[in-house]
Amino acid sequence: MTVVVTVRETAEGTLVAAADADCLGETYEDGAVSLTVEASFYDGEDAERVPAETAVERLADADTANLVGEDCVTAALEAGLVDEGGVLEVDGTLHAQVVWM
């Protein structure tokens, strides 16, 4: 599966936004929770399309991360970069937001 990854420098540090390519533009809803995977946030001219394992490598220098999709989140879990307790499942899609301090 291809993952779309964008690395941005922000006032708070390095942000990595990564989403499974097939999630782009989708909205997932589960009760009061709604998750829209905006292409403008995850994709763009600085984005890379890479395998999930490569997307996880981009997290090495991140201060924060926003991850969406089965492949992307599962790879981060397997690498030990995301705690299973911090993963949400919204309408069958995995989502994790991570802050490293």
C-alpha atoms as a PDB file:
ATOM      1  CA  MET A   1       0.000   0.000   0.000  1.00  0.00           C
ATOM      2  CA  THR A   2       1.193   3.476  -0.811  1.00  0.00           C
ATOM      3  CA  VAL A   3       1.298   6.075   1.951  1.00  0.00           C
ATOM      4  CA  VAL A   4       1.310   9.823   1.275  1.00  0.00           C
ATOM      5  CA  VAL A   5       3.737  11.619   3.608  1.00  0.00           C
ATOM      6  CA  THR A   6       4.325  15.318   4.128  1.00  0.00           C
ATOM      7  CA  VAL A   7       6.972  16.694   6.483  1.00  0.00           C
ATOM      8  CA  ARG A   8       6.489  20.291   7.636  1.00  0.00           C
ATOM      9  CA  GLU A   9       8.433  22.581   9.917  1.00  0.00           C
ATOM     10  CA  THR A  10       6.100  24.382  12.324  1.00  0.00           C
ATOM     11  CA  ALA A  11       6.565  26.679  15.313  1.00  0.00           C
ATOM     12  CA  GLU A  12       6.137  23.574  17.489  1.00  0.00           C
ATOM     13  CA  GLY A  13       8.733  21.525  15.584  1.00  0.00           C
ATOM     14  CA  THR A  14       8.649  18.952  12.812  1.00  0.00           C
ATOM     15  CA  LEU A  15       5.195  17.622  11.886  1.00  0.00           C
ATOM     16  CA  VAL A  16       4.774  14.453   9.850  1.00  0.00           C
ATOM     17  CA  ALA A  17       1.371  13.932   8.240  1.00  0.00           C
ATOM     18  CA  ALA A  18       0.916  10.468   6.734  1.00  0.00           C
ATOM     19  CA  ALA A  19      -2.134   8.742   5.289  1.00  0.00           C
ATOM     20  CA  ASP A  20      -2.811   5.651   3.232  1.00  0.00           C
ATOM     21  CA  ALA A  21      -3.311   6.949  -0.321  1.00  0.00           C
ATOM     22  CA  ASP A  22      -6.778   5.418  -0.579  1.00  0.00           C
ATOM     23  CA  CYS A  23      -7.907   7.454   2.461  1.00  0.00           C
ATOM     24  CA  LEU A  24      -7.285  10.846   0.840  1.00  0.00           C
ATOM     25  CA  GLY A  25     -10.474  12.846   0.443  1.00  0.00           C
ATOM     26  CA  GLU A  26     -12.512  10.394   2.525  1.00  0.00           C
ATOM     27  CA  THR A  27     -14.609  11.207   5.592  1.00  0.00           C
ATOM     28  CA  TYR A  28     -15.044   8.620   8.321  1.00  0.00           C
ATOM     29  CA  GLU A  29     -17.759   8.968  10.945  1.00  0.00           C
ATOM     30  CA  ASP A  30     -18.522   7.108  14.140  1.00  0.00           C
ATOM     31  CA  GLY A  31     -21.200   8.717  16.273  1.00  0.00           C
ATOM     32  CA  ALA A  32     -20.006  12.152  17.327  1.00  0.00           C
ATOM     33  CA  VAL A  33     -16.520  11.578  15.869  1.00  0.00           C
ATOM     34  CA  SER A  34     -15.836  12.673  12.309  1.00  0.00           C
ATOM     35  CA  LEU A  35     -12.469  12.367  10.559  1.00  0.00           C
ATOM     36  CA  THR A  36     -11.940  13.991   7.164  1.00  0.00           C
ATOM     37  CA  VAL A  37      -8.659  13.141   5.452  1.00  0.00           C
ATOM     38  CA  GLU A  38      -8.045  16.430   3.679  1.00  0.00           C
ATOM     39  CA  ALA A  39      -5.790  16.151   0.651  1.00  0.00           C
ATOM     40  CA  SER A  40      -4.666  19.735   1.340  1.00  0.00           C
ATOM     41  CA  PHE A  41      -3.146  18.577   4.661  1.00  0.00           C
ATOM     42  CA  TYR A  42      -1.661  15.206   3.700  1.00  0.00           C
ATOM     43  CA  ASP A  43      -0.854  15.745   0.017  1.00  0.00           C
ATOM     44  CA  GLY A  44       0.744  18.541  -1.970  1.00  0.00           C
ATOM     45  CA  GLU A  45       3.850  19.428  -3.905  1.00  0.00           C
ATOM     46  CA  ASP A  46       6.148  18.434  -1.003  1.00  0.00           C
ATOM     47  CA  ALA A  47       4.400  15.107  -0.409  1.00  0.00           C
ATOM     48  CA  GLU A  48       6.017  11.745  -1.068  1.00  0.00           C
ATOM     49  CA  ARG A  49       4.258   8.551  -2.062  1.00  0.00           C
ATOM     50  CA  VAL A  50       6.137   5.748  -0.330  1.00  0.00           C
ATOM     51  CA  PRO A  51       5.663   2.277   1.191  1.00  0.00           C
ATOM     52  CA  ALA A  52       4.382   2.269   4.793  1.00  0.00           C
ATOM     53  CA  GLU A  53       7.793   1.254   6.140  1.00  0.00           C
ATOM     54  CA  THR A  54       9.410   4.304   4.519  1.00  0.00           C
ATOM     55  CA  ALA A  55       6.667   6.538   5.926  1.00  0.00           C
ATOM     56  CA  VAL A  56       7.554   5.261   9.404  1.00  0.00           C
ATOM     57  CA  GLU A  57      11.206   6.180   8.805  1.00  0.00           C
ATOM     58  CA  ARG A  58      10.079   9.796   8.333  1.00  0.00           C
ATOM     59  CA  LEU A  59       8.772   9.752  11.924  1.00  0.00           C
ATOM     60  CA  ALA A  60      12.315   9.433  13.325  1.00  0.00           C
ATOM     61  CA  ASP A  61      12.860  13.207  13.361  1.00  0.00           C
ATOM     62  CA  ALA A  62       9.265  14.229  14.034  1.00  0.00           C
ATOM     63  CA  ASP A  63       8.032  16.124  17.074  1.00  0.00           C
ATOM     64  CA  THR A  64       4.389  15.473  16.187  1.00  0.00           C
ATOM     65  CA  ALA A  65       2.619  13.151  13.782  1.00  0.00           C
ATOM     66  CA  ASN A  66      -0.846  12.693  12.375  1.00  0.00           C
ATOM     67  CA  LEU A  67      -1.407   9.219  10.891  1.00  0.00           C
ATOM     68  CA  VAL A  68      -4.437   7.791   9.090  1.00  0.00           C
ATOM     69  CA  GLY A  69      -5.050   4.390   7.560  1.00  0.00           C
ATOM     70  CA  GLU A  70      -4.550   0.710   8.292  1.00  0.00           C
ATOM     71  CA  ASP A  71      -1.126   0.379   6.640  1.00  0.00           C
ATOM     72  CA  CYS A  72       0.324   3.613   7.955  1.00  0.00           C
ATOM     73  CA  VAL A  73      -0.811   3.201  11.569  1.00  0.00           C
ATOM     74  CA  THR A  74      -0.039  -0.538  11.691  1.00  0.00           C
ATOM     75  CA  ALA A  75       3.526   0.089  10.479  1.00  0.00           C
ATOM     76  CA  ALA A  76       3.991   2.746  13.184  1.00  0.00           C
ATOM     77  CA  LEU A  77       2.608   0.336  15.809  1.00  0.00           C
ATOM     78  CA  GLU A  78       4.937  -2.445  14.664  1.00  0.00           C
ATOM     79  CA  ALA A  79       7.905  -0.053  14.826  1.00  0.00           C
ATOM     80  CA  GLY A  80       6.997   0.820  18.424  1.00  0.00           C
ATOM     81  CA  LEU A  81       6.416   4.486  17.592  1.00  0.00           C
ATOM     82  CA  VAL A  82       2.723   4.487  18.446  1.00  0.00           C
ATOM     83  CA  ASP A  83       1.075   2.973  21.506  1.00  0.00           C
ATOM     84  CA  GLU A  84      -1.919   0.770  20.741  1.00  0.00           C
ATOM     85  CA  GLY A  85      -3.930   2.560  23.436  1.00  0.00           C
ATOM     86  CA  GLY A  86      -3.568   5.817  21.514  1.00  0.00           C
ATOM     87  CA  VAL A  87      -5.039   4.514  18.271  1.00  0.00           C
ATOM     88  CA  LEU A  88      -8.625   5.359  17.396  1.00  0.00           C
ATOM     89  CA  GLU A  89     -10.759   3.376  15.011  1.00  0.00           C
ATOM     90  CA  VAL A  90     -13.220   5.637  13.223  1.00  0.00           C
ATOM     91  CA  ASP A  91     -15.659   3.923  10.877  1.00  0.00           C
ATOM     92  CA  GLY A  92     -13.174   1.068  10.371  1.00  0.00           C
ATOM     93  CA  THR A  93     -10.182   3.342   9.724  1.00  0.00           C
ATOM     94  CA  LEU A  94      -7.220   3.672  12.096  1.00  0.00           C
ATOM     95  CA  HIS A  95      -6.063   7.110  13.253  1.00  0.00           C
ATOM     96  CA  ALA A  96      -3.288   8.210  15.598  1.00  0.00           C
ATOM     97  CA  GLN A  97      -1.973  11.585  16.662  1.00  0.00           C
ATOM     98  CA  VAL A  98       1.405  11.511  18.373  1.00  0.00           C
ATOM     99  CA  VAL A  99       3.479  14.061  20.265  1.00  0.00           C
ATOM    100  CA  TRP A 100       7.015  13.197  21.319  1.00  0.00           C
ATOM    101  CA  MET A 101       8.508  15.189  24.190  1.00  0.00           C
END
